[in-house]
Amino acid sequence: NLNSGTSASSSAFWRGDGTWVAPGGGDLIGIADAGSTSDTGAVNFDGCFTSTYKNYLVLVSKFIPTVDGQDITCRFRDSTPATLTGNYNFGGQAVQNDDGSVVQNYGDSQDRFQLSHGVSNEEARIGYAANIYVCEPYDSGYTRIFCNYSYKTNSGYVRSGSYGGEYAQAASVEGIRFEAQSGNTSAYRVAIYAFNQGF
């Protein structure tokens, strides 16, 4: 039976044992949101990963290099804050829209994650976009990522694919850094969310 008693509200539900309770989690908590349409260097988000939440979503809605055809990369940051280098292992592949060709990016013990190949610097093409999941970064162990992504190449084609990797160093990761392989960033929009798992 449905219950519409006086304790009903938009923030509570009727549980099977006959009580009104707040939802136990499963929502996204906004942690950081930043963007720019002016030339800038590397984009750092410091202090965004904490012991409060275990897992995070980094939503890159656009990331455009100033220099055409640059790879987009990222690295983790510690509490100093300093950029963590070395020990990045990753692999992924993308399919190109015009001919179905496959482009791979992979590396072992690299100094950063390579997230793409040759991204267009045309503003209207929004460059690189991705949803990147960061798994237990604050846990003082290895930090794993996986993502789906899409970008416009400097030849004008769309490439879309999936990617995974790890920072293979026991460390408490507290931030993340995005940058082009060479040159500056002409525009970006990045938001970071935590998963409120409720357990």
Protein backbone atom coordinates (compact mmCIF):
# COMPACT_ATOMS: atom_id res chain seq x y z
CA ASN A 1 0.00 0.00 0.00
CA LEU A 2 1.14 3.56 -0.70
CA ASN A 3 1.65 5.84 2.27
CA SER A 4 1.14 9.60 2.11
CA GLY A 5 1.35 10.34 5.81
CA THR A 6 2.47 13.55 7.45
CA SER A 7 6.12 12.45 7.47
CA ALA A 8 6.28 12.24 3.67
CA SER A 9 8.78 14.59 2.00
CA SER A 10 10.96 14.91 -1.08
CA SER A 11 13.96 13.71 0.95
CA ALA A 12 12.45 10.57 2.55
CA PHE A 13 10.97 7.30 1.37
CA TRP A 14 8.62 4.73 2.92
CA ARG A 15 10.71 1.73 3.91
CA GLY A 16 9.44 -1.86 4.00
CA ASP A 17 9.35 -1.89 7.80
CA GLY A 18 6.82 0.95 7.83
CA THR A 19 9.04 3.95 8.61
CA TRP A 20 10.00 7.11 6.74
CA VAL A 21 13.79 7.36 6.22
CA ALA A 22 16.28 9.41 4.23
CA PRO A 23 17.94 7.62 1.29
CA GLY A 24 21.10 5.79 2.31
CA GLY A 25 23.41 7.07 -0.42
CA GLY A 26 24.11 6.47 -4.08
CA ASP A 27 24.11 10.12 -5.13
CA LEU A 28 26.93 12.26 -6.46
CA ILE A 29 28.45 14.98 -4.27
CA GLY A 30 29.94 17.98 -6.06
CA ILE A 31 33.56 18.51 -5.03
CA ALA A 32 35.03 20.91 -7.58
CA ASP A 33 34.05 22.65 -10.79
CA ALA A 34 36.29 24.93 -12.84
CA GLY A 35 36.71 26.16 -16.38
CA SER A 36 38.34 28.82 -18.48
CA THR A 37 38.28 30.18 -22.02
CA SER A 38 41.64 31.94 -21.61
CA ASP A 39 45.06 30.43 -22.25
CA THR A 40 46.44 28.75 -19.17
CA GLY A 41 49.08 26.17 -18.36
CA ALA A 42 48.40 22.94 -16.53
CA VAL A 43 45.06 22.64 -14.72
CA ASN A 44 45.39 21.48 -11.10
CA PHE A 45 42.69 20.29 -8.69
CA ASP A 46 44.25 20.01 -5.23
CA GLY A 47 42.66 18.59 -2.08
CA CYS A 48 39.70 17.13 -3.98
CA PHE A 49 40.28 13.50 -2.91
CA THR A 50 39.88 12.91 0.83
CA SER A 51 39.12 10.16 3.34
CA THR A 52 35.43 11.20 3.34
CA TYR A 53 34.65 9.35 0.09
CA LYS A 54 36.21 6.31 -1.55
CA ASN A 55 35.53 6.78 -5.28
CA TYR A 56 35.24 9.76 -7.61
CA LEU A 57 34.04 10.81 -11.05
CA VAL A 58 36.04 13.41 -12.97
CA LEU A 59 33.90 14.82 -15.77
CA VAL A 60 35.92 16.55 -18.48
CA SER A 61 33.37 18.26 -20.73
CA LYS A 62 36.08 19.96 -22.79
CA PHE A 63 39.84 20.28 -22.83
CA ILE A 64 41.41 22.12 -25.76
CA PRO A 65 45.16 22.53 -26.31
CA THR A 66 46.57 25.77 -27.70
CA VAL A 67 48.89 23.81 -30.01
CA ASP A 68 47.10 21.69 -32.61
CA GLY A 69 47.60 17.92 -32.49
CA GLN A 70 48.74 17.59 -28.87
CA ASP A 71 48.06 14.64 -26.57
CA ILE A 72 46.06 15.32 -23.40
CA THR A 73 47.67 13.90 -20.26
CA CYS A 74 47.04 13.74 -16.52
CA ARG A 75 48.95 13.03 -13.34
CA PHE A 76 48.06 12.76 -9.69
CA ARG A 77 49.05 15.23 -6.95
CA ASP A 78 49.88 14.74 -3.28
CA SER A 79 49.14 16.86 -0.21
CA THR A 80 52.17 19.15 -0.66
CA PRO A 81 50.73 19.77 -3.33
CA ALA A 82 53.29 18.32 -5.74
CA THR A 83 52.80 16.41 -8.98
CA LEU A 84 53.50 12.68 -8.73
CA THR A 85 55.73 11.41 -11.55
CA GLY A 86 56.74 7.93 -12.64
CA ASN A 87 54.96 4.58 -12.20
CA TYR A 88 51.95 5.26 -14.47
CA ASN A 89 50.74 2.11 -16.25
CA PHE A 90 47.91 2.37 -18.76
CA GLY A 91 46.26 0.98 -21.88
CA GLY A 92 43.37 1.97 -24.08
CA GLN A 93 42.13 2.19 -27.61
CA ALA A 94 39.85 4.40 -29.68
CA VAL A 95 37.96 3.88 -32.95
CA GLN A 96 37.98 6.59 -35.62
CA ASN A 97 34.64 7.52 -37.19
CA ASP A 98 35.55 7.69 -40.89
CA ASP A 99 37.17 4.29 -41.44
CA GLY A 100 36.93 2.27 -38.23
CA SER A 101 40.66 2.37 -37.70
CA VAL A 102 41.86 1.69 -34.15
CA VAL A 103 44.40 3.82 -32.33
CA GLN A 104 46.03 2.50 -29.17
CA ASN A 105 47.73 4.29 -26.32
CA TYR A 106 49.62 2.28 -23.75
CA GLY A 107 52.60 2.60 -21.46
CA ASP A 108 54.49 1.00 -18.59
CA SER A 109 56.20 2.99 -15.82
CA GLN A 110 55.54 6.30 -17.59
CA ASP A 111 55.67 9.74 -15.99
CA ARG A 112 51.95 10.44 -16.68
CA PHE A 113 48.73 9.00 -18.13
CA GLN A 114 48.47 9.63 -21.88
CA LEU A 115 44.72 10.13 -22.36
CA SER A 116 44.61 10.75 -26.12
CA HIS A 117 46.45 11.22 -29.40
CA GLY A 118 46.57 14.42 -31.47
CA VAL A 119 43.65 16.59 -30.28
CA SER A 120 42.29 19.48 -32.34
CA ASN A 121 42.78 22.99 -31.00
CA GLU A 122 39.66 24.41 -32.70
CA GLU A 123 37.36 25.89 -30.04
CA ALA A 124 34.15 24.71 -31.75
CA ARG A 125 35.32 21.07 -31.65
CA ILE A 126 35.67 21.04 -27.80
CA GLY A 127 38.89 19.02 -27.98
CA TYR A 128 38.92 16.13 -25.50
CA ALA A 129 35.98 14.99 -23.34
CA ALA A 130 35.80 12.10 -20.86
CA ASN A 131 34.25 10.61 -17.75
CA ILE A 132 37.14 9.36 -15.62
CA TYR A 133 36.54 7.17 -12.57
CA VAL A 134 39.19 7.38 -9.84
CA CYS A 135 39.17 4.43 -7.43
CA GLU A 136 40.14 4.91 -3.77
CA PRO A 137 42.85 7.55 -4.32
CA TYR A 138 43.23 8.46 -0.64
CA ASP A 139 43.80 4.86 0.46
CA SER A 140 47.66 4.90 0.52
CA GLY A 141 47.78 2.05 -2.03
CA TYR A 142 47.82 1.99 -5.81
CA THR A 143 45.24 4.27 -7.45
CA ARG A 144 43.27 2.89 -10.39
CA ILE A 145 41.43 4.84 -13.10
CA PHE A 146 39.17 3.86 -15.97
CA CYS A 147 37.26 5.99 -18.43
CA ASN A 148 35.28 6.46 -21.60
CA TYR A 149 36.39 9.31 -23.80
CA SER A 150 35.97 11.06 -27.14
CA TYR A 151 37.96 13.72 -28.96
CA LYS A 152 38.27 15.51 -32.28
CA THR A 153 41.58 14.93 -34.02
CA ASN A 154 43.58 17.66 -35.70
CA SER A 155 42.56 15.97 -38.99
CA GLY A 156 38.90 16.61 -38.17
CA TYR A 157 37.80 13.07 -37.27
CA VAL A 158 36.12 11.82 -34.10
CA ARG A 159 37.79 9.13 -32.03
CA SER A 160 35.99 7.43 -29.14
CA GLY A 161 37.20 4.71 -26.85
CA SER A 162 37.91 3.35 -23.40
CA TYR A 163 40.95 3.43 -21.18
CA GLY A 164 42.30 2.10 -17.91
CA GLY A 165 45.39 2.48 -15.81
CA GLU A 166 46.99 2.72 -12.41
CA TYR A 167 49.40 4.84 -10.48
CA ALA A 168 51.57 1.96 -9.29
CA GLN A 169 52.93 3.58 -6.15
CA ALA A 170 51.68 3.29 -2.59
CA ALA A 171 50.67 6.90 -2.03
CA SER A 172 47.87 9.01 -0.67
CA VAL A 173 46.62 10.80 -3.78
CA GLU A 174 44.78 14.06 -3.04
CA GLY A 175 44.63 15.86 -6.39
CA ILE A 176 44.79 15.58 -10.16
CA ARG A 177 46.52 17.59 -12.91
CA PHE A 178 45.53 17.88 -16.59
CA GLU A 179 47.74 19.32 -19.31
CA ALA A 180 48.61 19.16 -22.99
CA GLN A 181 51.74 17.28 -23.96
CA SER A 182 53.19 20.57 -25.19
CA GLY A 183 51.99 24.15 -25.02
CA ASN A 184 49.15 25.61 -22.99
CA THR A 185 45.44 24.93 -22.55
CA SER A 186 43.20 27.30 -24.54
CA ALA A 187 39.92 26.28 -22.84
CA TYR A 188 38.64 23.67 -20.39
CA ARG A 189 35.73 22.66 -18.19
CA VAL A 190 36.23 20.00 -15.50
CA ALA A 191 33.95 18.93 -12.65
CA ILE A 192 34.76 16.44 -9.89
CA TYR A 193 32.14 14.44 -8.00
CA ALA A 194 32.36 11.96 -5.13
CA PHE A 195 30.15 8.89 -4.91
CA ASN A 196 28.09 8.93 -1.72
CA GLN A 197 27.86 5.15 -1.40
CA GLY A 198 26.05 5.20 1.92
CA PHE A 199 27.98 2.26 3.38
